[in-house]
Amino acid sequence: MASVHLVSASGLKQEIRARSHVLNADEPKSLGGTDTGPSPYELLLASLAACTSLTLRMYADRKGWELGRIEVDARFRRDEDGVESIDREVVLGGNLTPDQQARLAEICEKTPVTKTLKRGTPIATTLRVTA
């Protein structure tokens, strides 16, 4: 189970705590933020890219396959009708057979974050006011 704690005292800058790690989220200056960290959509894309890379590396290590450098580019799009999608490109630096490449492409579609995003996940929200 994963969890994060977020604190926002004022403005758009957000302080995120995940286990012992602290990072910021913010919006770019053009959207009224102070650009002290990635935007929420950039963090979502980073989660997808990191999960893809980590899962591929773990799978290949178990198989004894040399992947070399892994690069994942992810882009969020919303078309004029409001339909949202994510484009993901994975580049592997290893010398892989066509069968290995096909299997790794299948693994990309089975990473935990990919599956969560594709199926949609219900969100239950509780609002408390402590004023």
N, C-alpha and C. Protein backbone atom coordinates (compact mmCIF):
# COMPACT_ATOMS: atom_id res chain seq x y z
N MET A 1 0.85 -1.18 0.00
CA MET A 1 0.00 0.00 0.00
C MET A 1 0.89 1.24 0.00
N ALA A 2 0.55 2.17 -0.86
CA ALA A 2 1.31 3.41 -0.95
C ALA A 2 0.48 4.55 -0.39
N SER A 3 1.15 5.53 0.19
CA SER A 3 0.43 6.72 0.66
C SER A 3 1.37 7.91 0.62
N VAL A 4 0.78 9.08 0.50
CA VAL A 4 1.53 10.33 0.56
C VAL A 4 0.77 11.29 1.47
N HIS A 5 1.49 12.24 1.99
CA HIS A 5 0.90 13.31 2.81
C HIS A 5 1.31 14.62 2.15
N LEU A 6 0.36 15.51 1.98
CA LEU A 6 0.63 16.76 1.30
C LEU A 6 0.26 17.92 2.21
N VAL A 7 1.10 18.95 2.21
CA VAL A 7 0.83 20.15 2.99
C VAL A 7 0.92 21.36 2.07
N SER A 8 -0.09 22.24 2.16
CA SER A 8 -0.08 23.47 1.39
C SER A 8 -0.56 24.59 2.32
N ALA A 9 0.35 25.47 2.70
CA ALA A 9 -0.01 26.55 3.62
C ALA A 9 -0.66 27.72 2.87
N SER A 10 -0.13 28.05 1.71
CA SER A 10 -0.69 29.11 0.88
C SER A 10 -0.08 29.02 -0.50
N GLY A 11 -0.67 29.69 -1.45
CA GLY A 11 -0.16 29.65 -2.81
C GLY A 11 -0.37 28.28 -3.44
N LEU A 12 0.26 28.06 -4.56
CA LEU A 12 0.08 26.80 -5.29
C LEU A 12 1.16 25.77 -4.98
N LYS A 13 2.25 26.18 -4.38
CA LYS A 13 3.32 25.23 -4.05
C LYS A 13 2.81 24.20 -3.04
N GLN A 14 3.10 22.94 -3.31
CA GLN A 14 2.68 21.84 -2.45
C GLN A 14 3.91 21.08 -1.96
N GLU A 15 3.93 20.72 -0.70
CA GLU A 15 5.01 19.90 -0.16
C GLU A 15 4.47 18.48 0.01
N ILE A 16 5.09 17.54 -0.66
CA ILE A 16 4.64 16.15 -0.65
C ILE A 16 5.61 15.32 0.17
N ARG A 17 5.08 14.51 1.06
CA ARG A 17 5.90 13.58 1.84
C ARG A 17 5.47 12.16 1.51
N ALA A 18 6.44 11.37 1.08
CA ALA A 18 6.22 9.96 0.78
C ALA A 18 7.31 9.18 1.51
N ARG A 19 6.91 8.43 2.53
CA ARG A 19 7.86 7.77 3.42
C ARG A 19 8.84 8.82 3.94
N SER A 20 10.13 8.68 3.69
CA SER A 20 11.12 9.64 4.20
C SER A 20 11.51 10.68 3.15
N HIS A 21 10.78 10.73 2.04
CA HIS A 21 11.12 11.62 0.94
C HIS A 21 10.21 12.85 0.93
N VAL A 22 10.80 13.98 0.57
CA VAL A 22 10.05 15.22 0.45
C VAL A 22 10.29 15.78 -0.94
N LEU A 23 9.21 16.13 -1.63
CA LEU A 23 9.33 16.77 -2.93
C LEU A 23 8.25 17.81 -3.07
N ASN A 24 8.38 18.66 -4.05
CA ASN A 24 7.42 19.73 -4.28
C ASN A 24 6.61 19.47 -5.53
N ALA A 25 5.42 19.99 -5.53
CA ALA A 25 4.61 20.10 -6.74
C ALA A 25 4.20 21.56 -6.83
N ASP A 26 4.02 22.02 -8.03
CA ASP A 26 3.66 23.42 -8.23
C ASP A 26 3.11 23.55 -9.65
N GLU A 27 2.69 24.71 -9.99
CA GLU A 27 2.30 25.02 -11.35
C GLU A 27 3.34 25.98 -11.93
N PRO A 28 3.46 26.02 -13.24
CA PRO A 28 4.39 26.99 -13.83
C PRO A 28 3.93 28.42 -13.56
N LYS A 29 4.85 29.34 -13.68
CA LYS A 29 4.52 30.75 -13.44
C LYS A 29 3.40 31.22 -14.36
N SER A 30 3.34 30.68 -15.57
CA SER A 30 2.31 31.09 -16.52
C SER A 30 0.90 30.73 -16.05
N LEU A 31 0.79 29.80 -15.09
CA LEU A 31 -0.51 29.41 -14.54
C LEU A 31 -0.69 29.89 -13.10
N GLY A 32 0.16 30.82 -12.66
CA GLY A 32 0.01 31.40 -11.33
C GLY A 32 0.83 30.73 -10.24
N GLY A 33 1.62 29.74 -10.59
CA GLY A 33 2.48 29.07 -9.60
C GLY A 33 3.82 29.75 -9.50
N THR A 34 4.73 29.12 -8.75
CA THR A 34 6.08 29.64 -8.61
C THR A 34 7.11 28.71 -9.25
N ASP A 35 6.65 27.65 -9.91
CA ASP A 35 7.49 26.71 -10.66
C ASP A 35 8.59 26.09 -9.80
N THR A 36 8.24 25.70 -8.57
CA THR A 36 9.22 25.08 -7.66
C THR A 36 9.20 23.56 -7.74
N GLY A 37 8.38 23.03 -8.63
CA GLY A 37 8.32 21.58 -8.78
C GLY A 37 7.43 21.23 -9.96
N PRO A 38 7.36 19.94 -10.28
CA PRO A 38 6.50 19.50 -11.37
C PRO A 38 5.03 19.77 -11.07
N SER A 39 4.25 19.90 -12.13
CA SER A 39 2.80 20.05 -11.97
C SER A 39 2.18 18.69 -11.63
N PRO A 40 0.95 18.68 -11.16
CA PRO A 40 0.31 17.40 -10.86
C PRO A 40 0.28 16.43 -12.06
N TYR A 41 0.01 16.93 -13.27
CA TYR A 41 0.03 16.04 -14.43
C TYR A 41 1.44 15.54 -14.72
N GLU A 42 2.45 16.38 -14.51
CA GLU A 42 3.82 15.92 -14.71
C GLU A 42 4.19 14.85 -13.69
N LEU A 43 3.70 14.97 -12.46
CA LEU A 43 3.93 13.93 -11.46
C LEU A 43 3.23 12.64 -11.85
N LEU A 44 2.02 12.74 -12.39
CA LEU A 44 1.30 11.55 -12.86
C LEU A 44 2.09 10.86 -13.96
N LEU A 45 2.58 11.63 -14.92
CA LEU A 45 3.38 11.06 -16.01
C LEU A 45 4.69 10.47 -15.48
N ALA A 46 5.29 11.13 -14.50
CA ALA A 46 6.52 10.62 -13.90
C ALA A 46 6.26 9.28 -13.21
N SER A 47 5.11 9.16 -12.56
CA SER A 47 4.76 7.89 -11.92
C SER A 47 4.64 6.77 -12.95
N LEU A 48 3.98 7.07 -14.05
CA LEU A 48 3.84 6.08 -15.11
C LEU A 48 5.20 5.70 -15.70
N ALA A 49 6.02 6.70 -15.98
CA ALA A 49 7.34 6.44 -16.58
C ALA A 49 8.24 5.67 -15.62
N ALA A 50 8.25 6.06 -14.36
CA ALA A 50 9.09 5.37 -13.37
C ALA A 50 8.64 3.93 -13.19
N CYS A 51 7.34 3.71 -13.09
CA CYS A 51 6.83 2.35 -12.92
C CYS A 51 7.17 1.50 -14.13
N THR A 52 7.07 2.08 -15.32
CA THR A 52 7.41 1.35 -16.55
C THR A 52 8.87 0.93 -16.52
N SER A 53 9.76 1.87 -16.25
CA SER A 53 11.19 1.59 -16.24
C SER A 53 11.56 0.57 -15.16
N LEU A 54 11.03 0.79 -13.94
CA LEU A 54 11.34 -0.14 -12.84
C LEU A 54 10.86 -1.55 -13.14
N THR A 55 9.65 -1.67 -13.67
CA THR A 55 9.09 -2.99 -13.95
C THR A 55 9.88 -3.69 -15.05
N LEU A 56 10.24 -2.96 -16.11
CA LEU A 56 11.03 -3.55 -17.18
C LEU A 56 12.38 -4.03 -16.65
N ARG A 57 13.01 -3.21 -15.82
CA ARG A 57 14.33 -3.57 -15.27
C ARG A 57 14.22 -4.82 -14.40
N MET A 58 13.22 -4.88 -13.54
CA MET A 58 13.06 -6.05 -12.67
C MET A 58 12.79 -7.31 -13.50
N TYR A 59 11.94 -7.20 -14.50
CA TYR A 59 11.61 -8.35 -15.34
C TYR A 59 12.86 -8.83 -16.09
N ALA A 60 13.57 -7.89 -16.71
CA ALA A 60 14.76 -8.26 -17.49
C ALA A 60 15.85 -8.85 -16.59
N ASP A 61 16.01 -8.31 -15.39
CA ASP A 61 17.01 -8.85 -14.46
C ASP A 61 16.69 -10.30 -14.10
N ARG A 62 15.40 -10.59 -13.88
CA ARG A 62 15.00 -11.97 -13.57
C ARG A 62 15.28 -12.91 -14.74
N LYS A 63 15.12 -12.39 -15.97
CA LYS A 63 15.35 -13.20 -17.17
C LYS A 63 16.82 -13.25 -17.58
N GLY A 64 17.64 -12.38 -16.98
CA GLY A 64 19.05 -12.31 -17.37
C GLY A 64 19.26 -11.56 -18.68
N TRP A 65 18.33 -10.69 -19.04
CA TRP A 65 18.43 -9.90 -20.26
C TRP A 65 19.09 -8.57 -19.95
N GLU A 66 19.97 -8.12 -20.82
CA GLU A 66 20.63 -6.83 -20.64
C GLU A 66 19.85 -5.75 -21.40
N LEU A 67 19.21 -4.87 -20.65
CA LEU A 67 18.42 -3.81 -21.28
C LEU A 67 19.25 -2.58 -21.62
N GLY A 68 20.39 -2.41 -20.95
CA GLY A 68 21.14 -1.18 -21.12
C GLY A 68 20.37 -0.02 -20.54
N ARG A 69 20.50 1.12 -21.14
CA ARG A 69 19.82 2.33 -20.67
C ARG A 69 18.33 2.25 -21.03
N ILE A 70 17.50 2.67 -20.09
CA ILE A 70 16.05 2.73 -20.32
C ILE A 70 15.64 4.20 -20.30
N GLU A 71 14.93 4.63 -21.33
CA GLU A 71 14.37 5.98 -21.37
C GLU A 71 12.88 5.86 -21.61
N VAL A 72 12.12 6.60 -20.85
CA VAL A 72 10.66 6.61 -21.02
C VAL A 72 10.21 8.06 -21.14
N ASP A 73 9.55 8.37 -22.24
CA ASP A 73 8.94 9.69 -22.42
C ASP A 73 7.44 9.50 -22.36
N ALA A 74 6.77 10.32 -21.58
CA ALA A 74 5.32 10.26 -21.46
C ALA A 74 4.74 11.65 -21.67
N ARG A 75 3.66 11.70 -22.44
CA ARG A 75 3.01 12.98 -22.74
C ARG A 75 1.51 12.85 -22.54
N PHE A 76 0.95 13.84 -21.88
CA PHE A 76 -0.49 13.90 -21.66
C PHE A 76 -1.10 14.77 -22.76
N ARG A 77 -2.23 14.32 -23.30
CA ARG A 77 -2.93 15.09 -24.33
C ARG A 77 -4.42 15.17 -24.00
N ARG A 78 -5.02 16.27 -24.38
CA ARG A 78 -6.47 16.43 -24.32
C ARG A 78 -6.88 17.06 -25.65
N ASP A 79 -7.73 16.36 -26.41
CA ASP A 79 -8.11 16.88 -27.72
C ASP A 79 -9.24 17.91 -27.59
N GLU A 80 -9.66 18.44 -28.71
CA GLU A 80 -10.68 19.50 -28.71
C GLU A 80 -12.02 19.04 -28.16
N ASP A 81 -12.26 17.73 -28.13
CA ASP A 81 -13.50 17.19 -27.56
C ASP A 81 -13.35 16.84 -26.07
N GLY A 82 -12.17 17.11 -25.51
CA GLY A 82 -11.94 16.82 -24.10
C GLY A 82 -11.49 15.40 -23.82
N VAL A 83 -11.22 14.63 -24.86
CA VAL A 83 -10.77 13.25 -24.67
C VAL A 83 -9.29 13.28 -24.28
N GLU A 84 -8.99 12.64 -23.15
CA GLU A 84 -7.63 12.64 -22.63
C GLU A 84 -6.93 11.33 -22.98
N SER A 85 -5.62 11.44 -23.23
CA SER A 85 -4.82 10.25 -23.49
C SER A 85 -3.38 10.51 -23.10
N ILE A 86 -2.65 9.43 -22.95
CA ILE A 86 -1.22 9.51 -22.64
C ILE A 86 -0.47 8.74 -23.71
N ASP A 87 0.56 9.36 -24.25
CA ASP A 87 1.47 8.70 -25.17
C ASP A 87 2.74 8.37 -24.41
N ARG A 88 3.18 7.11 -24.53
CA ARG A 88 4.39 6.66 -23.83
C ARG A 88 5.34 6.05 -24.87
N GLU A 89 6.58 6.50 -24.85
CA GLU A 89 7.61 5.93 -25.71
C GLU A 89 8.71 5.38 -24.82
N VAL A 90 9.06 4.12 -25.05
CA VAL A 90 10.10 3.45 -24.27
C VAL A 90 11.26 3.14 -25.20
N VAL A 91 12.46 3.56 -24.82
CA VAL A 91 13.66 3.30 -25.61
C VAL A 91 14.61 2.48 -24.75
N LEU A 92 15.02 1.34 -25.28
CA LEU A 92 15.93 0.44 -24.56
C LEU A 92 17.27 0.41 -25.29
N GLY A 93 18.37 0.42 -24.53
CA GLY A 93 19.70 0.46 -25.12
C GLY A 93 20.33 -0.90 -25.34
N GLY A 94 19.68 -1.97 -24.89
CA GLY A 94 20.28 -3.30 -25.02
C GLY A 94 20.06 -3.90 -26.39
N ASN A 95 20.86 -4.92 -26.68
CA ASN A 95 20.73 -5.67 -27.93
C ASN A 95 19.73 -6.79 -27.69
N LEU A 96 18.48 -6.59 -28.09
CA LEU A 96 17.40 -7.51 -27.77
C LEU A 96 16.85 -8.17 -29.03
N THR A 97 16.48 -9.42 -28.89
CA THR A 97 15.87 -10.14 -30.01
C THR A 97 14.45 -9.62 -30.24
N PRO A 98 13.89 -9.88 -31.42
CA PRO A 98 12.49 -9.48 -31.65
C PRO A 98 11.53 -10.11 -30.63
N ASP A 99 11.77 -11.35 -30.22
CA ASP A 99 10.91 -11.99 -29.22
C ASP A 99 11.02 -11.28 -27.87
N GLN A 100 12.24 -10.91 -27.48
CA GLN A 100 12.42 -10.18 -26.23
C GLN A 100 11.74 -8.82 -26.30
N GLN A 101 11.87 -8.14 -27.42
CA GLN A 101 11.23 -6.83 -27.59
C GLN A 101 9.72 -6.96 -27.49
N ALA A 102 9.15 -7.97 -28.12
CA ALA A 102 7.70 -8.18 -28.06
C ALA A 102 7.25 -8.43 -26.63
N ARG A 103 8.01 -9.25 -25.90
CA ARG A 103 7.64 -9.55 -24.51
C ARG A 103 7.73 -8.31 -23.65
N LEU A 104 8.76 -7.51 -23.84
CA LEU A 104 8.91 -6.28 -23.06
C LEU A 104 7.80 -5.28 -23.37
N ALA A 105 7.35 -5.24 -24.63
CA ALA A 105 6.21 -4.38 -24.99
C ALA A 105 4.96 -4.84 -24.24
N GLU A 106 4.77 -6.15 -24.12
CA GLU A 106 3.64 -6.69 -23.35
C GLU A 106 3.76 -6.30 -21.87
N ILE A 107 4.97 -6.37 -21.34
CA ILE A 107 5.19 -6.03 -19.93
C ILE A 107 4.86 -4.56 -19.69
N CYS A 108 5.18 -3.69 -20.64
CA CYS A 108 4.84 -2.27 -20.50
C CYS A 108 3.34 -2.09 -20.22
N GLU A 109 2.51 -2.88 -20.86
CA GLU A 109 1.07 -2.77 -20.71
C GLU A 109 0.57 -3.38 -19.40
N LYS A 110 1.45 -4.09 -18.69
CA LYS A 110 1.06 -4.77 -17.45
C LYS A 110 1.67 -4.16 -16.20
N THR A 111 2.33 -3.01 -16.33
CA THR A 111 2.93 -2.42 -15.14
C THR A 111 1.80 -1.95 -14.21
N PRO A 112 2.05 -1.94 -12.91
CA PRO A 112 0.98 -1.58 -11.97
C PRO A 112 0.34 -0.22 -12.23
N VAL A 113 1.12 0.80 -12.49
CA VAL A 113 0.55 2.13 -12.71
C VAL A 113 -0.21 2.17 -14.04
N THR A 114 0.30 1.49 -15.05
CA THR A 114 -0.42 1.41 -16.33
C THR A 114 -1.80 0.80 -16.12
N LYS A 115 -1.84 -0.31 -15.42
CA LYS A 115 -3.11 -0.98 -15.18
C LYS A 115 -4.07 -0.10 -14.38
N THR A 116 -3.56 0.60 -13.38
CA THR A 116 -4.40 1.49 -12.58
C THR A 116 -4.99 2.60 -13.44
N LEU A 117 -4.17 3.22 -14.26
CA LEU A 117 -4.66 4.31 -15.10
C LEU A 117 -5.66 3.82 -16.15
N LYS A 118 -5.38 2.66 -16.75
CA LYS A 118 -6.25 2.17 -17.81
C LYS A 118 -7.62 1.72 -17.30
N ARG A 119 -7.67 1.15 -16.14
CA ARG A 119 -8.96 0.66 -15.66
C ARG A 119 -9.72 1.74 -14.89
N GLY A 120 -9.02 2.79 -14.49
CA GLY A 120 -9.67 3.81 -13.65
C GLY A 120 -9.79 3.25 -12.24
N THR A 121 -9.64 4.09 -11.28
CA THR A 121 -9.69 3.66 -9.88
C THR A 121 -10.66 4.56 -9.14
N PRO A 122 -11.62 3.97 -8.44
CA PRO A 122 -12.53 4.80 -7.64
C PRO A 122 -11.75 5.59 -6.59
N ILE A 123 -12.18 6.80 -6.34
CA ILE A 123 -11.55 7.65 -5.33
C ILE A 123 -12.61 8.03 -4.31
N ALA A 124 -12.35 7.69 -3.06
CA ALA A 124 -13.25 8.06 -1.97
C ALA A 124 -12.62 9.24 -1.23
N THR A 125 -13.35 10.32 -1.12
CA THR A 125 -12.83 11.55 -0.51
C THR A 125 -13.57 11.84 0.79
N THR A 126 -12.81 12.13 1.84
CA THR A 126 -13.36 12.60 3.10
C THR A 126 -12.84 14.00 3.33
N LEU A 127 -13.70 14.95 3.57
CA LEU A 127 -13.31 16.34 3.82
C LEU A 127 -13.53 16.64 5.29
N ARG A 128 -12.46 17.12 5.98
CA ARG A 128 -12.58 17.54 7.39
C ARG A 128 -12.14 18.98 7.48
N VAL A 129 -12.81 19.75 8.27
CA VAL A 129 -12.45 21.14 8.50
C VAL A 129 -12.02 21.25 9.96
N THR A 130 -10.82 21.82 10.19
CA THR A 130 -10.29 21.90 11.55
C THR A 130 -10.19 23.33 12.06
N ALA A 131 -10.90 24.24 11.45
CA ALA A 131 -10.80 25.66 11.80
C ALA A 131 -11.27 25.93 13.21
